[in-house]
Amino acid sequence: MTRQPRLAFLFAGLVLLVLGLGLASLLIGPARLGIGQSLAALFGHGPEMLQLVMRELRLPRALLGALVGAALGMSGAVMQGFLRNPLAEPGLIGTSASAALGAVLAIQTGIAAAFPLGLPLAALAGALVSVMLVLALAGPQGGALALILSGIAISALAGAATSLVLNLSPNPFAANEIIFWMLGSLADRSMLHVWIALPFMVVGAGLLLTTGRGLDALTLGEDAAAASGIDLRQLRLVLVTGTAALIGGATAVAGAIGFVGLVVPHILRRAVGARPSALIPASALGGAAMVLAADIAVRVVAPTRDLKLGVLTALIGAPFFLHLILKTRRSGA
């Protein structure tokens, strides 16, 4: 089978997988409802309480699962393509840690309790600040190494500030809320969270989809990419801005969910022929499928214990990360 039909089958399979998992996410919950009854309520038929459950609880959760997963998967594919390193992940530029710091400050200061949009807006503000700092530290001519070092510095600083807030918090209830938020979850989200994250994710996805040609050229090296007419400075700016918009939006509404951006691109890379331009949309679909599946597993495995989504993705992703490290060591030996 040639490459184009193979890619078409891959994308068709991923789309069907996401749709199937999205439907399962709508139908699974503590209220045991029939398929017909649930779908009827989703379209405005049946008891008002049931319509409320479907439209205000399950639908936002399914939509956010797909959006957050797509954002993480796409960002991971772009970061790995730009750095030409399969171990790279979206948090490398410090956006996740900075967005988390913004949310933590909103919880600690009481803004999140006083203003419903306070927490996600503070997280988005933290992500924006991280972009400005990373670009300023890396400099206009900075390459991949400068970008990585700047991101690590911002991430370490934001992580230290978050720990300081927890350490000095006089309110144990606020500290407990901070810790649980940082574990990552899609529970108790509403359509308001969807509308908050959606504009940033649309802009971020639009920016990252334009980087495909540049990342394809970059697989041959920076000199070859520059010789083929790729503006590496502009590519880096678009990449950082798009990644920050996606990760900032995802972290603002779901908390910290790790390893999706690392695992999904690596799984799909061989299937798309290692072409970044094809891996970006494939990873978006794969990330959506992974987060939806993990969120379903959270509800099935421990329906009464409030198992956090970020905990489950870490339990899956950490062993996979160790596998990648060992595989890299063997290939380099």
Protein backbone atom coordinates (compact mmCIF):
# COMPACT_ATOMS: atom_id res chain seq x y z
CA MET A 1 0.00 0.00 0.00
CA THR A 2 1.41 3.42 -0.95
CA ARG A 3 1.86 6.24 1.53
CA GLN A 4 -1.23 8.31 0.67
CA PRO A 5 -3.81 5.50 1.04
CA ARG A 6 -2.05 4.34 4.21
CA LEU A 7 -2.30 7.84 5.70
CA ALA A 8 -5.95 8.07 4.66
CA PHE A 9 -6.71 4.80 6.46
CA LEU A 10 -4.78 5.98 9.51
CA PHE A 11 -6.64 9.29 9.76
CA ALA A 12 -9.99 7.61 9.12
CA GLY A 13 -9.27 5.11 11.89
CA LEU A 14 -8.22 7.85 14.31
CA VAL A 15 -11.33 9.92 13.55
CA LEU A 16 -13.58 6.91 14.15
CA LEU A 17 -11.70 6.12 17.37
CA VAL A 18 -12.17 9.67 18.68
CA LEU A 19 -15.86 9.68 17.76
CA GLY A 20 -16.39 6.31 19.42
CA LEU A 21 -14.60 7.34 22.60
CA GLY A 22 -16.45 10.65 22.61
CA LEU A 23 -19.76 8.80 22.44
CA ALA A 24 -18.64 6.45 25.23
CA SER A 25 -17.66 9.47 27.35
CA LEU A 26 -21.18 10.84 26.92
CA LEU A 27 -22.80 7.57 27.96
CA ILE A 28 -20.62 6.62 30.96
CA GLY A 29 -21.25 8.17 34.34
CA PRO A 30 -22.54 7.56 37.87
CA ALA A 31 -26.13 7.96 36.64
CA ARG A 32 -26.73 4.69 34.84
CA LEU A 33 -28.80 5.72 31.84
CA GLY A 34 -29.75 3.90 28.68
CA ILE A 35 -28.18 4.87 25.35
CA GLY A 36 -31.45 6.01 23.81
CA GLN A 37 -32.47 7.92 26.91
CA SER A 38 -29.09 9.67 27.13
CA LEU A 39 -28.98 10.68 23.48
CA ALA A 40 -32.57 11.91 23.60
CA ALA A 41 -31.75 14.09 26.61
CA LEU A 42 -28.69 15.44 24.82
CA PHE A 43 -30.95 16.72 22.03
CA GLY A 44 -33.49 18.26 24.40
CA HIS A 45 -35.97 15.44 24.99
CA GLY A 46 -36.95 13.78 28.24
CA PRO A 47 -36.79 14.88 31.89
CA GLU A 48 -35.24 18.28 32.53
CA MET A 49 -32.82 16.92 35.13
CA LEU A 50 -31.53 14.34 32.68
CA GLN A 51 -31.06 17.02 30.02
CA LEU A 52 -29.06 19.02 32.56
CA VAL A 53 -26.79 16.06 33.30
CA MET A 54 -26.11 15.42 29.61
CA ARG A 55 -25.72 19.02 28.45
CA GLU A 56 -24.01 20.61 31.45
CA LEU A 57 -21.89 17.76 32.79
CA ARG A 58 -21.19 14.98 30.30
CA LEU A 59 -21.07 16.99 27.06
CA PRO A 60 -18.52 19.57 28.36
CA ARG A 61 -16.41 16.77 29.81
CA ALA A 62 -16.32 14.90 26.50
CA LEU A 63 -15.58 18.06 24.50
CA LEU A 64 -12.81 19.13 26.87
CA GLY A 65 -11.31 15.65 26.79
CA ALA A 66 -11.02 15.85 23.00
CA LEU A 67 -9.77 19.46 23.01
CA VAL A 68 -7.20 19.00 25.77
CA GLY A 69 -5.91 15.75 24.27
CA ALA A 70 -5.63 17.28 20.80
CA ALA A 71 -3.77 20.28 22.22
CA LEU A 72 -1.27 18.12 24.11
CA GLY A 73 -0.71 15.68 21.24
CA MET A 74 -0.25 18.38 18.61
CA SER A 75 2.10 20.41 20.80
CA GLY A 76 4.20 17.35 21.55
CA ALA A 77 4.55 16.49 17.86
CA VAL A 78 5.66 20.04 17.01
CA MET A 79 8.17 20.25 19.87
CA GLN A 80 9.69 16.89 18.92
CA GLY A 81 9.89 17.94 15.28
CA PHE A 82 11.49 21.29 16.03
CA LEU A 83 14.04 19.90 18.49
CA ARG A 84 14.46 16.67 16.49
CA ASN A 85 14.26 14.74 19.75
CA PRO A 86 11.61 12.07 20.48
CA LEU A 87 11.97 12.76 24.21
CA ALA A 88 10.81 16.38 23.93
CA GLU A 89 7.39 17.34 25.29
CA PRO A 90 5.23 20.49 25.39
CA GLY A 91 6.13 21.49 28.96
CA LEU A 92 9.73 22.00 27.88
CA ILE A 93 9.18 25.72 27.21
CA GLY A 94 7.75 26.34 30.67
CA THR A 95 4.16 27.08 29.67
CA SER A 96 2.58 24.31 31.76
CA ALA A 97 4.41 25.29 34.94
CA SER A 98 3.70 28.99 34.43
CA ALA A 99 0.00 28.38 33.74
CA ALA A 100 -0.17 26.23 36.87
CA LEU A 101 1.48 29.02 38.89
CA GLY A 102 -1.13 31.50 37.66
CA ALA A 103 -3.93 29.15 38.71
CA VAL A 104 -2.30 28.50 42.09
CA LEU A 105 -2.07 32.23 42.79
CA ALA A 106 -5.73 32.63 41.85
CA ILE A 107 -6.73 29.92 44.33
CA GLN A 108 -4.45 31.18 47.09
CA THR A 109 -5.55 34.81 46.83
CA GLY A 110 -9.24 33.92 46.70
CA ILE A 111 -9.75 35.23 43.16
CA ALA A 112 -10.89 31.81 41.98
CA ALA A 113 -13.57 31.68 44.68
CA ALA A 114 -14.78 35.26 44.14
CA PHE A 115 -14.77 35.21 40.35
CA PRO A 116 -15.81 32.06 38.40
CA LEU A 117 -13.43 32.84 35.54
CA GLY A 118 -10.59 33.84 37.85
CA LEU A 119 -8.75 30.52 37.81
CA PRO A 120 -8.66 29.83 34.04
CA LEU A 121 -7.91 33.47 33.22
CA ALA A 122 -5.05 33.53 35.74
CA ALA A 123 -3.67 30.32 34.21
CA LEU A 124 -3.83 31.85 30.74
CA ALA A 125 -2.08 34.97 32.03
CA GLY A 126 0.69 32.78 33.45
CA ALA A 127 1.09 31.06 30.08
CA LEU A 128 1.30 34.44 28.31
CA VAL A 129 3.98 35.68 30.69
CA SER A 130 6.00 32.49 30.11
CA VAL A 131 5.95 33.05 26.33
CA MET A 132 7.22 36.60 26.69
CA LEU A 133 9.98 35.52 29.08
CA VAL A 134 11.10 32.54 26.98
CA LEU A 135 11.30 34.62 23.80
CA ALA A 136 13.14 37.40 25.64
CA LEU A 137 15.65 35.01 27.23
CA ALA A 138 16.25 33.00 24.04
CA GLY A 139 16.85 36.21 22.08
CA PRO A 140 15.90 37.00 18.49
CA GLN A 141 18.62 34.79 17.02
CA GLY A 142 18.57 32.05 19.64
CA GLY A 143 18.43 28.48 18.38
CA ALA A 144 16.92 25.32 19.78
CA LEU A 145 19.41 25.08 22.65
CA ALA A 146 18.67 28.63 23.82
CA LEU A 147 14.94 27.88 23.65
CA ILE A 148 15.33 24.71 25.71
CA LEU A 149 17.49 26.37 28.37
CA SER A 150 15.12 29.32 28.61
CA GLY A 151 12.13 27.02 28.96
CA ILE A 152 13.84 24.93 31.64
CA ALA A 153 14.73 28.08 33.59
CA ILE A 154 11.16 29.44 33.42
CA SER A 155 9.72 26.04 34.33
CA ALA A 156 12.05 25.68 37.32
CA LEU A 157 11.27 29.21 38.51
CA ALA A 158 7.50 28.69 38.18
CA GLY A 159 7.74 25.34 39.96
CA ALA A 160 9.73 26.90 42.79
CA ALA A 161 7.20 29.73 43.12
CA THR A 162 4.34 27.22 43.23
CA SER A 163 6.10 25.28 45.99
CA LEU A 164 6.68 28.53 47.88
CA VAL A 165 2.99 29.41 47.72
CA LEU A 166 2.08 25.97 49.06
CA ASN A 167 4.74 26.19 51.76
CA LEU A 168 3.58 29.61 53.02
CA SER A 169 -0.16 29.02 52.59
CA PRO A 170 -1.93 29.77 55.90
CA ASN A 171 -5.13 28.17 54.64
CA PRO A 172 -5.03 24.35 54.59
CA PHE A 173 -8.22 24.22 52.51
CA ALA A 174 -6.68 26.40 49.80
CA ALA A 175 -3.51 24.27 49.83
CA ASN A 176 -5.60 21.13 49.49
CA GLU A 177 -7.54 22.64 46.58
CA ILE A 178 -4.27 23.63 44.89
CA ILE A 179 -2.85 20.14 45.17
CA PHE A 180 -5.97 18.48 43.80
CA TRP A 181 -6.21 20.99 40.93
CA MET A 182 -2.60 20.35 39.95
CA LEU A 183 -3.31 16.62 39.62
CA GLY A 184 -5.45 17.35 36.56
CA SER A 185 -9.08 16.47 35.99
CA LEU A 186 -12.06 17.01 33.68
CA ALA A 187 -14.66 16.46 36.38
CA ASP A 188 -17.15 19.22 37.24
CA ARG A 189 -16.37 21.25 34.13
CA SER A 190 -19.07 23.18 32.29
CA MET A 191 -19.61 24.62 28.84
CA LEU A 192 -18.12 27.87 30.19
CA HIS A 193 -14.75 26.12 30.43
CA VAL A 194 -15.15 24.92 26.84
CA TRP A 195 -15.77 28.47 25.59
CA ILE A 196 -12.80 29.77 27.60
CA ALA A 197 -10.34 27.25 26.15
CA LEU A 198 -11.72 26.99 22.61
CA PRO A 199 -10.48 30.35 21.18
CA PHE A 200 -6.93 29.77 22.41
CA MET A 201 -6.89 26.21 21.12
CA VAL A 202 -8.23 27.22 17.70
CA VAL A 203 -5.58 29.94 17.36
CA GLY A 204 -2.82 27.66 18.64
CA ALA A 205 -3.81 24.79 16.35
CA GLY A 206 -4.00 27.14 13.37
CA LEU A 207 -0.49 28.40 14.06
CA LEU A 208 1.04 24.95 14.57
CA LEU A 209 -0.56 23.51 11.43
CA THR A 210 1.36 26.12 9.40
CA THR A 211 4.70 24.81 10.70
CA GLY A 212 4.49 21.46 8.88
CA ARG A 213 6.56 22.46 5.85
CA GLY A 214 9.25 24.08 7.98
CA LEU A 215 9.48 21.08 10.31
CA ASP A 216 9.72 18.72 7.31
CA ALA A 217 12.66 20.75 6.01
CA LEU A 218 14.21 20.87 9.47
CA THR A 219 14.56 17.08 9.54
CA LEU A 220 17.53 17.58 7.20
CA GLY A 221 19.18 20.06 9.59
CA GLU A 222 19.00 23.80 10.23
CA ASP A 223 21.38 24.68 7.41
CA ALA A 224 19.40 22.66 4.86
CA ALA A 225 16.13 24.17 6.11
CA ALA A 226 17.51 27.70 5.82
CA ALA A 227 18.82 26.94 2.32
CA SER A 228 15.36 25.79 1.27
CA GLY A 229 13.88 29.14 2.24
CA ILE A 230 12.62 28.41 5.76
CA ASP A 231 12.83 31.39 8.13
CA LEU A 232 13.92 29.63 11.33
CA ARG A 233 13.34 32.71 13.47
CA GLN A 234 9.74 33.02 12.32
CA LEU A 235 9.24 29.26 12.66
CA ARG A 236 10.39 29.39 16.27
CA LEU A 237 8.13 32.35 17.05
CA VAL A 238 5.07 30.65 15.55
CA LEU A 239 5.92 27.37 17.29
CA VAL A 240 6.35 28.91 20.75
CA THR A 241 3.25 31.09 20.44
CA GLY A 242 1.05 28.26 19.14
CA THR A 243 2.28 25.79 21.75
CA ALA A 244 1.75 28.31 24.55
CA ALA A 245 -1.81 29.02 23.38
CA LEU A 246 -2.66 25.30 23.29
CA ILE A 247 -0.96 24.32 26.54
CA GLY A 248 -2.13 27.45 28.34
CA GLY A 249 -5.72 26.78 27.30
CA ALA A 250 -5.51 23.10 28.25
CA THR A 251 -3.89 23.74 31.63
CA ALA A 252 -6.34 26.54 32.41
CA VAL A 253 -9.37 24.24 32.23
CA ALA A 254 -7.96 20.80 33.10
CA GLY A 255 -4.93 21.35 35.31
CA ALA A 256 -1.64 19.58 34.74
CA ILE A 257 -1.97 16.49 32.53
CA GLY A 258 1.39 15.08 31.56
CA PHE A 259 2.96 12.56 29.18
CA VAL A 260 0.25 12.76 26.47
CA GLY A 261 2.42 15.03 24.33
CA LEU A 262 5.36 12.67 24.77
CA VAL A 263 3.68 9.31 24.23
CA VAL A 264 1.23 9.96 21.38
CA PRO A 265 3.66 11.41 18.76
CA HIS A 266 6.10 8.60 19.43
CA ILE A 267 3.44 5.92 18.91
CA LEU A 268 2.25 7.46 15.63
CA ARG A 269 5.59 8.58 14.17
CA ARG A 270 6.35 5.39 12.26
CA ALA A 271 2.78 5.16 10.93
CA VAL A 272 3.10 8.56 9.19
CA GLY A 273 6.58 7.91 7.83
CA ALA A 274 8.25 10.21 10.40
CA ARG A 275 6.98 13.30 8.54
CA PRO A 276 6.21 16.12 11.01
CA SER A 277 3.62 17.67 8.67
CA ALA A 278 1.57 14.45 8.84
CA LEU A 279 2.41 13.72 12.48
CA ILE A 280 0.92 17.01 13.74
CA PRO A 281 -2.74 16.31 12.80
CA ALA A 282 -2.33 12.60 13.55
CA SER A 283 -1.06 13.42 17.05
CA ALA A 284 -3.97 15.80 17.59
CA LEU A 285 -6.40 12.94 16.93
CA GLY A 286 -4.29 10.45 18.88
CA GLY A 287 -4.03 12.81 21.85
CA ALA A 288 -7.80 13.35 21.85
CA ALA A 289 -8.32 9.58 21.84
CA MET A 290 -5.83 9.01 24.67
CA VAL A 291 -7.30 11.65 27.01
CA LEU A 292 -10.86 10.53 26.29
CA ALA A 293 -9.89 6.91 26.98
CA ALA A 294 -8.06 7.86 30.18
CA ASP A 295 -11.01 9.94 31.38
CA ILE A 296 -13.36 7.02 30.75
CA ALA A 297 -10.99 4.73 32.65
CA VAL A 298 -10.99 7.14 35.60
CA ARG A 299 -14.77 6.84 35.85
CA VAL A 300 -14.80 3.06 35.39
CA VAL A 301 -11.83 2.04 37.57
CA ALA A 302 -12.59 4.21 40.61
CA PRO A 303 -16.04 5.78 40.21
CA THR A 304 -16.34 6.71 43.89
CA ARG A 305 -12.73 7.67 44.72
CA ASP A 306 -12.22 10.68 42.41
CA LEU A 307 -9.10 9.30 40.73
CA LYS A 308 -7.46 12.23 38.95
CA LEU A 309 -6.87 12.16 35.21
CA GLY A 310 -3.32 13.48 35.50
CA VAL A 311 -2.43 10.68 37.90
CA LEU A 312 -3.62 8.02 35.45
CA THR A 313 -1.79 9.54 32.46
CA ALA A 314 1.38 9.72 34.57
CA LEU A 315 1.03 6.06 35.57
CA ILE A 316 0.78 5.17 31.89
CA GLY A 317 3.31 7.66 30.57
CA ALA A 318 6.15 7.29 33.07
CA PRO A 319 6.94 3.63 32.21
CA PHE A 320 6.70 4.52 28.51
CA PHE A 321 9.15 7.38 29.07
CA LEU A 322 11.60 4.99 30.75
CA HIS A 323 11.19 2.63 27.78
CA LEU A 324 12.10 5.47 25.41
CA ILE A 325 15.21 6.29 27.44
CA LEU A 326 16.40 2.68 27.44
CA LYS A 327 15.66 2.37 23.72
CA THR A 328 17.62 5.55 23.03
CA ARG A 329 20.57 4.25 25.06
CA ARG A 330 20.58 0.95 23.18
CA SER A 331 20.43 2.63 19.80
CA GLY A 332 23.28 4.95 20.76
CA ALA A 333 25.44 2.14 22.08
